[in-house]
Amino acid sequence: MSMPQHTIHWQERADLGRVARAVIVVLIVAAIVALAVDNRHDVRLGYVVGDATAPAWMVVTAAAIGGVAVGWLVKHRPGRSRYG
């Protein structure tokens, strides 16, 4: 028994979407790694109550991880309806 043509087309589009997302994620991770590797010097971080120094790659990595965390939290807010 064969599948209807529209079902096959939908599955191909879903697979293409997954591949596109994976490629985008790999490109973003590669850009973050390249930026981190290229910026190995110490930088000064200013806080409200003082300052500190840290390697720039740590600052870039921490900012990337923070961005991922905020994005995940925004996407998965409790009480948010997907349909409304």
N, C-alpha and C. Protein backbone atom coordinates (compact mmCIF):
# COMPACT_ATOMS: atom_id res chain seq x y z
N MET A 1 0.84 -1.17 0.00
CA MET A 1 0.00 0.00 0.00
C MET A 1 0.89 1.24 0.00
N SER A 2 0.69 2.12 -0.92
CA SER A 2 1.54 3.30 -1.03
C SER A 2 0.93 4.47 -0.27
N MET A 3 1.81 5.40 0.09
CA MET A 3 1.38 6.58 0.83
C MET A 3 0.85 7.62 -0.15
N PRO A 4 -0.10 8.43 0.27
CA PRO A 4 -0.59 9.51 -0.59
C PRO A 4 0.54 10.48 -0.92
N GLN A 5 0.46 11.09 -2.09
CA GLN A 5 1.52 11.99 -2.57
C GLN A 5 1.72 13.18 -1.63
N HIS A 6 0.63 13.74 -1.07
CA HIS A 6 0.78 14.90 -0.20
C HIS A 6 1.49 14.54 1.11
N THR A 7 1.36 13.30 1.57
CA THR A 7 2.07 12.86 2.78
C THR A 7 3.56 12.76 2.51
N ILE A 8 3.93 12.24 1.38
CA ILE A 8 5.35 12.13 1.02
C ILE A 8 5.96 13.52 0.89
N HIS A 9 5.23 14.43 0.24
CA HIS A 9 5.72 15.80 0.06
C HIS A 9 5.93 16.47 1.42
N TRP A 10 5.00 16.31 2.35
CA TRP A 10 5.11 16.89 3.68
C TRP A 10 6.33 16.34 4.41
N GLN A 11 6.57 15.03 4.31
CA GLN A 11 7.71 14.41 4.98
C GLN A 11 9.03 14.93 4.41
N GLU A 12 9.08 15.14 3.10
CA GLU A 12 10.30 15.67 2.48
C GLU A 12 10.56 17.09 2.97
N ARG A 13 9.51 17.89 3.10
CA ARG A 13 9.67 19.26 3.59
C ARG A 13 10.13 19.26 5.04
N ALA A 14 9.58 18.34 5.85
CA ALA A 14 9.99 18.26 7.26
C ALA A 14 11.45 17.86 7.37
N ASP A 15 11.89 16.90 6.54
CA ASP A 15 13.29 16.49 6.55
C ASP A 15 14.20 17.63 6.11
N LEU A 16 13.78 18.39 5.10
CA LEU A 16 14.56 19.52 4.62
C LEU A 16 14.66 20.59 5.71
N GLY A 17 13.59 20.79 6.45
CA GLY A 17 13.61 21.75 7.55
C GLY A 17 14.58 21.34 8.64
N ARG A 18 14.60 20.05 8.96
CA ARG A 18 15.55 19.55 9.97
C ARG A 18 16.99 19.75 9.52
N VAL A 19 17.25 19.45 8.27
CA VAL A 19 18.60 19.61 7.73
C VAL A 19 19.00 21.09 7.74
N ALA A 20 18.09 21.96 7.35
CA ALA A 20 18.38 23.40 7.34
C ALA A 20 18.68 23.90 8.75
N ARG A 21 17.89 23.47 9.74
CA ARG A 21 18.14 23.87 11.12
C ARG A 21 19.49 23.36 11.61
N ALA A 22 19.82 22.12 11.26
CA ALA A 22 21.10 21.55 11.68
C ALA A 22 22.26 22.32 11.07
N VAL A 23 22.15 22.68 9.80
CA VAL A 23 23.21 23.45 9.13
C VAL A 23 23.35 24.82 9.80
N ILE A 24 22.25 25.46 10.11
CA ILE A 24 22.30 26.78 10.75
C ILE A 24 22.95 26.68 12.12
N VAL A 25 22.59 25.66 12.90
CA VAL A 25 23.19 25.46 14.22
C VAL A 25 24.68 25.23 14.10
N VAL A 26 25.10 24.40 13.16
CA VAL A 26 26.53 24.12 12.97
C VAL A 26 27.27 25.40 12.58
N LEU A 27 26.68 26.22 11.71
CA LEU A 27 27.32 27.48 11.31
C LEU A 27 27.45 28.45 12.48
N ILE A 28 26.41 28.53 13.31
CA ILE A 28 26.47 29.42 14.47
C ILE A 28 27.53 28.94 15.46
N VAL A 29 27.56 27.65 15.73
CA VAL A 29 28.56 27.11 16.65
C VAL A 29 29.97 27.33 16.09
N ALA A 30 30.15 27.11 14.80
CA ALA A 30 31.47 27.34 14.18
C ALA A 30 31.87 28.80 14.29
N ALA A 31 30.93 29.72 14.11
CA ALA A 31 31.23 31.15 14.23
C ALA A 31 31.63 31.50 15.67
N ILE A 32 30.92 30.93 16.65
CA ILE A 32 31.25 31.20 18.05
C ILE A 32 32.63 30.65 18.39
N VAL A 33 32.93 29.45 17.93
CA VAL A 33 34.24 28.84 18.19
C VAL A 33 35.34 29.66 17.52
N ALA A 34 35.14 30.08 16.27
CA ALA A 34 36.14 30.88 15.58
C ALA A 34 36.36 32.22 16.29
N LEU A 35 35.29 32.84 16.74
CA LEU A 35 35.39 34.10 17.48
C LEU A 35 36.14 33.91 18.79
N ALA A 36 35.83 32.82 19.48
CA ALA A 36 36.49 32.54 20.76
C ALA A 36 37.98 32.26 20.57
N VAL A 37 38.32 31.48 19.56
CA VAL A 37 39.73 31.14 19.31
C VAL A 37 40.53 32.38 18.91
N ASP A 38 39.90 33.27 18.17
CA ASP A 38 40.60 34.46 17.69
C ASP A 38 40.76 35.53 18.77
N ASN A 39 39.99 35.44 19.83
CA ASN A 39 40.01 36.45 20.89
C ASN A 39 40.49 35.84 22.20
N ARG A 40 41.79 35.68 22.31
CA ARG A 40 42.37 35.04 23.50
C ARG A 40 42.91 36.03 24.51
N HIS A 41 42.88 37.31 24.21
CA HIS A 41 43.41 38.32 25.13
C HIS A 41 42.43 38.56 26.28
N ASP A 42 42.98 39.06 27.38
CA ASP A 42 42.13 39.41 28.52
C ASP A 42 41.38 40.71 28.23
N VAL A 43 40.15 40.76 28.71
CA VAL A 43 39.34 41.96 28.59
C VAL A 43 38.84 42.35 29.98
N ARG A 44 38.55 43.64 30.14
CA ARG A 44 38.03 44.13 31.41
C ARG A 44 36.52 44.11 31.36
N LEU A 45 35.90 43.54 32.38
CA LEU A 45 34.45 43.50 32.50
C LEU A 45 34.04 44.44 33.62
N GLY A 46 33.18 45.39 33.33
CA GLY A 46 32.71 46.32 34.34
C GLY A 46 31.37 45.88 34.91
N TYR A 47 31.30 45.85 36.21
CA TYR A 47 30.07 45.52 36.92
C TYR A 47 29.61 46.76 37.68
N VAL A 48 28.42 46.73 38.18
CA VAL A 48 27.89 47.86 38.96
C VAL A 48 28.75 48.09 40.20
N VAL A 49 29.23 47.02 40.81
CA VAL A 49 29.98 47.14 42.06
C VAL A 49 31.48 46.91 41.89
N GLY A 50 31.98 46.89 40.69
CA GLY A 50 33.41 46.70 40.49
C GLY A 50 33.71 46.24 39.08
N ASP A 51 34.90 45.70 38.91
CA ASP A 51 35.27 45.18 37.60
C ASP A 51 36.16 43.95 37.77
N ALA A 52 36.35 43.25 36.67
CA ALA A 52 37.18 42.04 36.66
C ALA A 52 37.78 41.88 35.28
N THR A 53 38.78 41.02 35.18
CA THR A 53 39.34 40.69 33.88
C THR A 53 39.12 39.21 33.62
N ALA A 54 38.93 38.89 32.35
CA ALA A 54 38.73 37.50 31.94
C ALA A 54 39.15 37.37 30.48
N PRO A 55 39.54 36.17 30.06
CA PRO A 55 39.85 35.97 28.65
C PRO A 55 38.61 36.25 27.79
N ALA A 56 38.81 36.90 26.67
CA ALA A 56 37.69 37.28 25.79
C ALA A 56 36.92 36.05 25.34
N TRP A 57 37.60 34.91 25.13
CA TRP A 57 36.88 33.72 24.67
C TRP A 57 35.89 33.25 25.72
N MET A 58 36.21 33.45 27.01
CA MET A 58 35.27 33.06 28.06
C MET A 58 34.04 33.98 28.05
N VAL A 59 34.28 35.26 27.80
CA VAL A 59 33.17 36.22 27.74
C VAL A 59 32.26 35.89 26.57
N VAL A 60 32.85 35.60 25.41
CA VAL A 60 32.06 35.25 24.22
C VAL A 60 31.27 33.97 24.46
N THR A 61 31.92 32.96 25.03
CA THR A 61 31.26 31.68 25.29
C THR A 61 30.13 31.85 26.31
N ALA A 62 30.39 32.61 27.37
CA ALA A 62 29.35 32.84 28.38
C ALA A 62 28.16 33.59 27.78
N ALA A 63 28.43 34.57 26.92
CA ALA A 63 27.34 35.31 26.28
C ALA A 63 26.53 34.39 25.36
N ALA A 64 27.21 33.51 24.64
CA ALA A 64 26.51 32.57 23.75
C ALA A 64 25.63 31.62 24.56
N ILE A 65 26.18 31.08 25.63
CA ILE A 65 25.40 30.17 26.48
C ILE A 65 24.22 30.91 27.11
N GLY A 66 24.45 32.14 27.55
CA GLY A 66 23.35 32.94 28.10
C GLY A 66 22.27 33.21 27.07
N GLY A 67 22.67 33.48 25.83
CA GLY A 67 21.70 33.70 24.77
C GLY A 67 20.87 32.46 24.48
N VAL A 68 21.51 31.31 24.48
CA VAL A 68 20.79 30.05 24.27
C VAL A 68 19.81 29.82 25.41
N ALA A 69 20.25 30.08 26.64
CA ALA A 69 19.38 29.87 27.80
C ALA A 69 18.17 30.79 27.75
N VAL A 70 18.39 32.06 27.45
CA VAL A 70 17.27 33.01 27.37
C VAL A 70 16.32 32.61 26.23
N GLY A 71 16.86 32.24 25.09
CA GLY A 71 16.01 31.80 23.99
C GLY A 71 15.18 30.59 24.35
N TRP A 72 15.79 29.64 25.03
CA TRP A 72 15.04 28.43 25.44
C TRP A 72 13.95 28.80 26.43
N LEU A 73 14.27 29.67 27.40
CA LEU A 73 13.28 30.07 28.39
C LEU A 73 12.12 30.82 27.76
N VAL A 74 12.40 31.68 26.80
CA VAL A 74 11.33 32.41 26.11
C VAL A 74 10.45 31.46 25.31
N LYS A 75 11.07 30.52 24.65
CA LYS A 75 10.31 29.56 23.83
C LYS A 75 9.47 28.63 24.69
N HIS A 76 9.91 28.30 25.88
CA HIS A 76 9.23 27.33 26.73
C HIS A 76 8.59 27.97 27.96
N ARG A 77 8.03 29.17 27.79
CA ARG A 77 7.36 29.83 28.93
C ARG A 77 6.13 29.04 29.34
N PRO A 78 5.92 28.89 30.63
CA PRO A 78 4.70 28.21 31.08
C PRO A 78 3.47 29.09 30.83
N GLY A 79 2.37 28.44 30.50
CA GLY A 79 1.11 29.14 30.28
C GLY A 79 0.95 29.74 28.91
N ARG A 80 1.93 29.55 28.04
CA ARG A 80 1.82 30.08 26.68
C ARG A 80 1.19 29.04 25.79
N SER A 81 0.16 29.41 25.10
CA SER A 81 -0.53 28.49 24.20
C SER A 81 0.10 28.56 22.82
N ARG A 82 0.29 27.41 22.20
CA ARG A 82 0.83 27.38 20.84
C ARG A 82 -0.19 27.84 19.81
N TYR A 83 -1.44 27.84 20.16
CA TYR A 83 -2.49 28.11 19.18
C TYR A 83 -3.21 29.42 19.44
N GLY A 84 -2.77 30.21 20.37
CA GLY A 84 -3.52 31.42 20.63
C GLY A 84 -2.72 32.54 20.98
